[in-house]
Amino acid sequence: MAYQFKLQIPIAQDLNNKLKKKASELGFGSITDIARLLLTNFANGNLVISFNNPEPQEKLSNLDLLLAESILEQKSGKTKKINLSKNIHDQLMND
């Protein structure tokens, strides 16, 4: 296949080294082979690239944090069940 255009992309030396190592691990002859594969699949619609910009998380109040920690403790079994029909003080002292 005769190539009519060349694509030159400057990259940092450490990225180049990582790419060469990964290409070799996957059985590619060069970084160019990977670039050609990605570009071909992108152009043919076999590769979809998307970018996400997640909404910033709201800062949790102290009450929200306390509630979240309580739920985690309860789910992990770190909490004790209290029988409200019995004396609470006695139950806590027994534990």
N, C-alpha and C. Protein backbone atom coordinates (compact mmCIF):
# COMPACT_ATOMS: atom_id res chain seq x y z
N MET A 1 0.84 -1.18 0.00
CA MET A 1 0.00 0.00 0.00
C MET A 1 0.88 1.24 0.00
N ALA A 2 0.64 2.11 -0.92
CA ALA A 2 1.42 3.34 -1.01
C ALA A 2 0.78 4.40 -0.12
N TYR A 3 1.59 4.96 0.73
CA TYR A 3 1.09 5.99 1.64
C TYR A 3 1.35 7.35 1.02
N GLN A 4 0.34 8.21 1.06
CA GLN A 4 0.46 9.52 0.46
C GLN A 4 0.71 10.61 1.49
N PHE A 5 0.35 10.36 2.74
CA PHE A 5 0.49 11.38 3.77
C PHE A 5 1.23 10.82 4.96
N LYS A 6 1.93 11.69 5.66
CA LYS A 6 2.63 11.31 6.88
C LYS A 6 2.06 12.13 8.02
N LEU A 7 1.91 11.49 9.16
CA LEU A 7 1.44 12.15 10.36
C LEU A 7 2.59 12.18 11.35
N GLN A 8 2.98 13.36 11.76
CA GLN A 8 4.06 13.49 12.74
C GLN A 8 3.48 14.08 14.02
N ILE A 9 3.69 13.36 15.12
CA ILE A 9 3.16 13.81 16.41
C ILE A 9 4.32 13.85 17.40
N PRO A 10 4.69 15.04 17.85
CA PRO A 10 5.74 15.11 18.86
C PRO A 10 5.21 14.59 20.20
N ILE A 11 5.98 13.70 20.82
CA ILE A 11 5.61 13.18 22.14
C ILE A 11 6.85 13.17 23.03
N ALA A 12 6.61 13.16 24.32
CA ALA A 12 7.70 13.15 25.30
C ALA A 12 8.43 11.80 25.25
N GLN A 13 9.69 11.82 25.62
CA GLN A 13 10.52 10.61 25.57
C GLN A 13 9.96 9.50 26.47
N ASP A 14 9.48 9.86 27.67
CA ASP A 14 8.97 8.83 28.57
C ASP A 14 7.69 8.19 28.00
N LEU A 15 6.84 8.98 27.36
CA LEU A 15 5.65 8.42 26.72
C LEU A 15 6.06 7.51 25.56
N ASN A 16 7.02 7.91 24.79
CA ASN A 16 7.52 7.10 23.68
C ASN A 16 8.02 5.75 24.19
N ASN A 17 8.76 5.78 25.28
CA ASN A 17 9.28 4.52 25.85
C ASN A 17 8.15 3.62 26.32
N LYS A 18 7.14 4.20 26.98
CA LYS A 18 6.00 3.42 27.45
C LYS A 18 5.23 2.82 26.27
N LEU A 19 5.04 3.63 25.22
CA LEU A 19 4.33 3.15 24.04
C LEU A 19 5.07 2.00 23.35
N LYS A 20 6.37 2.13 23.23
CA LYS A 20 7.16 1.06 22.60
C LYS A 20 7.06 -0.23 23.39
N LYS A 21 7.14 -0.12 24.71
CA LYS A 21 7.06 -1.30 25.57
C LYS A 21 5.70 -1.96 25.44
N LYS A 22 4.63 -1.16 25.52
CA LYS A 22 3.27 -1.70 25.43
C LYS A 22 3.03 -2.29 24.04
N ALA A 23 3.50 -1.63 23.00
CA ALA A 23 3.34 -2.14 21.63
C ALA A 23 4.00 -3.50 21.49
N SER A 24 5.18 -3.61 22.03
CA SER A 24 5.92 -4.87 21.96
C SER A 24 5.18 -5.98 22.73
N GLU A 25 4.66 -5.64 23.91
CA GLU A 25 3.92 -6.62 24.72
C GLU A 25 2.69 -7.15 23.97
N LEU A 26 2.06 -6.28 23.19
CA LEU A 26 0.85 -6.66 22.47
C LEU A 26 1.13 -7.24 21.08
N GLY A 27 2.40 -7.32 20.71
CA GLY A 27 2.77 -7.94 19.44
C GLY A 27 2.81 -6.99 18.26
N PHE A 28 2.77 -5.69 18.50
CA PHE A 28 2.87 -4.72 17.42
C PHE A 28 4.34 -4.47 17.10
N GLY A 29 4.61 -4.19 15.82
CA GLY A 29 5.98 -3.94 15.40
C GLY A 29 6.47 -2.54 15.76
N SER A 30 5.54 -1.59 15.91
CA SER A 30 5.93 -0.22 16.20
C SER A 30 4.75 0.57 16.74
N ILE A 31 5.06 1.75 17.22
CA ILE A 31 4.02 2.67 17.67
C ILE A 31 3.16 3.10 16.47
N THR A 32 3.79 3.21 15.32
CA THR A 32 3.08 3.60 14.10
C THR A 32 1.97 2.60 13.77
N ASP A 33 2.23 1.31 14.00
CA ASP A 33 1.21 0.29 13.76
C ASP A 33 -0.02 0.52 14.64
N ILE A 34 0.21 0.88 15.89
CA ILE A 34 -0.90 1.15 16.81
C ILE A 34 -1.66 2.39 16.35
N ALA A 35 -0.94 3.44 15.99
CA ALA A 35 -1.59 4.67 15.53
C ALA A 35 -2.41 4.39 14.28
N ARG A 36 -1.87 3.61 13.36
CA ARG A 36 -2.59 3.27 12.13
C ARG A 36 -3.86 2.48 12.44
N LEU A 37 -3.77 1.53 13.38
CA LEU A 37 -4.93 0.75 13.79
C LEU A 37 -6.01 1.63 14.40
N LEU A 38 -5.62 2.51 15.32
CA LEU A 38 -6.58 3.40 15.96
C LEU A 38 -7.23 4.35 14.96
N LEU A 39 -6.42 4.96 14.11
CA LEU A 39 -6.96 5.91 13.14
C LEU A 39 -7.90 5.23 12.14
N THR A 40 -7.54 4.05 11.68
CA THR A 40 -8.37 3.32 10.73
C THR A 40 -9.72 2.96 11.36
N ASN A 41 -9.68 2.44 12.58
CA ASN A 41 -10.92 2.06 13.25
C ASN A 41 -11.78 3.27 13.59
N PHE A 42 -11.15 4.37 13.93
CA PHE A 42 -11.90 5.60 14.20
C PHE A 42 -12.58 6.10 12.93
N ALA A 43 -11.85 6.11 11.84
CA ALA A 43 -12.40 6.59 10.57
C ALA A 43 -13.53 5.69 10.06
N ASN A 44 -13.44 4.39 10.33
CA ASN A 44 -14.47 3.44 9.88
C ASN A 44 -15.65 3.33 10.85
N GLY A 45 -15.61 4.09 11.93
CA GLY A 45 -16.71 4.07 12.88
C GLY A 45 -16.67 2.92 13.87
N ASN A 46 -15.54 2.23 13.94
CA ASN A 46 -15.41 1.11 14.87
C ASN A 46 -14.82 1.52 16.21
N LEU A 47 -14.46 2.77 16.34
CA LEU A 47 -13.88 3.28 17.57
C LEU A 47 -14.59 4.57 17.93
N VAL A 48 -15.11 4.61 19.12
CA VAL A 48 -15.83 5.80 19.58
C VAL A 48 -15.01 6.44 20.70
N ILE A 49 -14.82 7.73 20.59
CA ILE A 49 -14.09 8.48 21.61
C ILE A 49 -15.06 9.46 22.23
N SER A 50 -15.13 9.46 23.56
CA SER A 50 -16.02 10.41 24.23
C SER A 50 -15.27 11.05 25.40
N PHE A 51 -15.74 12.22 25.74
CA PHE A 51 -15.15 12.97 26.84
C PHE A 51 -16.24 13.26 27.85
N ASN A 52 -15.94 13.05 29.10
CA ASN A 52 -16.90 13.31 30.16
C ASN A 52 -16.42 14.47 31.00
N ASN A 53 -17.35 15.31 31.36
CA ASN A 53 -17.05 16.40 32.27
C ASN A 53 -18.01 16.25 33.45
N PRO A 54 -17.62 15.44 34.43
CA PRO A 54 -18.54 15.18 35.54
C PRO A 54 -18.86 16.45 36.31
N GLU A 55 -20.10 16.48 36.79
CA GLU A 55 -20.51 17.61 37.60
C GLU A 55 -19.74 17.58 38.91
N PRO A 56 -19.34 18.75 39.40
CA PRO A 56 -18.63 18.76 40.68
C PRO A 56 -19.54 18.23 41.78
N GLN A 57 -18.96 17.43 42.66
CA GLN A 57 -19.73 16.87 43.76
C GLN A 57 -20.02 17.94 44.79
N GLU A 58 -21.23 17.88 45.32
CA GLU A 58 -21.58 18.82 46.36
C GLU A 58 -20.83 18.44 47.64
N LYS A 59 -20.43 19.45 48.36
CA LYS A 59 -19.74 19.20 49.62
C LYS A 59 -20.76 18.67 50.63
N LEU A 60 -20.43 17.55 51.25
CA LEU A 60 -21.33 16.95 52.21
C LEU A 60 -21.27 17.67 53.54
N SER A 61 -22.41 17.83 54.14
CA SER A 61 -22.46 18.44 55.46
C SER A 61 -21.99 17.42 56.50
N ASN A 62 -21.72 17.89 57.70
CA ASN A 62 -21.30 16.98 58.76
C ASN A 62 -22.36 15.92 59.03
N LEU A 63 -23.61 16.31 58.96
CA LEU A 63 -24.70 15.36 59.18
C LEU A 63 -24.74 14.30 58.08
N ASP A 64 -24.52 14.71 56.83
CA ASP A 64 -24.48 13.75 55.73
C ASP A 64 -23.33 12.77 55.90
N LEU A 65 -22.17 13.27 56.31
CA LEU A 65 -21.01 12.40 56.54
C LEU A 65 -21.29 11.42 57.68
N LEU A 66 -21.88 11.91 58.76
CA LEU A 66 -22.20 11.05 59.90
C LEU A 66 -23.19 9.97 59.49
N LEU A 67 -24.18 10.34 58.70
CA LEU A 67 -25.17 9.38 58.23
C LEU A 67 -24.51 8.33 57.32
N ALA A 68 -23.65 8.78 56.42
CA ALA A 68 -22.97 7.85 55.51
C ALA A 68 -22.09 6.87 56.30
N GLU A 69 -21.36 7.38 57.29
CA GLU A 69 -20.51 6.51 58.12
C GLU A 69 -21.37 5.52 58.90
N SER A 70 -22.51 5.98 59.40
CA SER A 70 -23.41 5.11 60.16
C SER A 70 -23.95 3.98 59.30
N ILE A 71 -24.31 4.31 58.07
CA ILE A 71 -24.83 3.28 57.15
C ILE A 71 -23.75 2.25 56.85
N LEU A 72 -22.52 2.70 56.63
CA LEU A 72 -21.42 1.77 56.37
C LEU A 72 -21.16 0.86 57.57
N GLU A 73 -21.20 1.43 58.77
CA GLU A 73 -21.01 0.63 59.98
C GLU A 73 -22.11 -0.41 60.12
N GLN A 74 -23.34 0.00 59.85
CA GLN A 74 -24.46 -0.91 59.97
C GLN A 74 -24.34 -2.05 58.96
N LYS A 75 -23.98 -1.73 57.72
CA LYS A 75 -23.85 -2.75 56.68
C LYS A 75 -22.70 -3.71 56.95
N SER A 76 -21.65 -3.22 57.61
CA SER A 76 -20.50 -4.08 57.89
C SER A 76 -20.68 -4.88 59.18
N GLY A 77 -21.78 -4.67 59.88
CA GLY A 77 -22.04 -5.45 61.09
C GLY A 77 -21.36 -4.91 62.33
N LYS A 78 -20.87 -3.69 62.31
CA LYS A 78 -20.17 -3.11 63.45
C LYS A 78 -21.13 -2.52 64.49
N THR A 79 -22.41 -2.47 64.16
CA THR A 79 -23.38 -1.87 65.09
C THR A 79 -24.11 -2.95 65.86
N LYS A 80 -24.66 -2.59 67.00
CA LYS A 80 -25.45 -3.50 67.84
C LYS A 80 -26.91 -3.15 67.72
N LYS A 81 -27.75 -4.15 67.74
CA LYS A 81 -29.19 -3.92 67.71
C LYS A 81 -29.68 -3.76 69.14
N ILE A 82 -30.57 -2.81 69.34
CA ILE A 82 -31.14 -2.55 70.65
C ILE A 82 -32.63 -2.87 70.59
N ASN A 83 -33.07 -3.64 71.56
CA ASN A 83 -34.48 -3.98 71.68
C ASN A 83 -35.15 -2.89 72.50
N LEU A 84 -36.02 -2.11 71.89
CA LEU A 84 -36.63 -0.98 72.57
C LEU A 84 -37.66 -1.39 73.61
N SER A 85 -38.04 -2.64 73.60
CA SER A 85 -39.00 -3.09 74.62
C SER A 85 -38.29 -3.46 75.93
N LYS A 86 -36.97 -3.49 75.92
CA LYS A 86 -36.18 -3.80 77.11
C LYS A 86 -35.43 -2.55 77.56
N ASN A 87 -34.87 -2.58 78.72
CA ASN A 87 -34.11 -1.47 79.28
C ASN A 87 -32.84 -1.25 78.43
N ILE A 88 -32.76 -0.08 77.81
CA ILE A 88 -31.64 0.25 76.93
C ILE A 88 -30.33 0.28 77.71
N HIS A 89 -30.34 0.84 78.92
CA HIS A 89 -29.12 0.94 79.72
C HIS A 89 -28.54 -0.45 79.98
N ASP A 90 -29.39 -1.39 80.34
CA ASP A 90 -28.92 -2.74 80.62
C ASP A 90 -28.33 -3.40 79.38
N GLN A 91 -28.97 -3.16 78.23
CA GLN A 91 -28.47 -3.74 76.99
C GLN A 91 -27.09 -3.19 76.63
N LEU A 92 -26.92 -1.87 76.78
CA LEU A 92 -25.63 -1.25 76.48
C LEU A 92 -24.55 -1.72 77.43
N MET A 93 -24.91 -1.87 78.69
CA MET A 93 -23.92 -2.31 79.69
C MET A 93 -23.52 -3.76 79.46
N ASN A 94 -24.45 -4.59 78.99
CA ASN A 94 -24.14 -5.99 78.71
C ASN A 94 -23.19 -6.14 77.53
N ASP A 95 -23.27 -5.23 76.58
CA ASP A 95 -22.39 -5.29 75.41
C ASP A 95 -21.02 -4.76 75.78
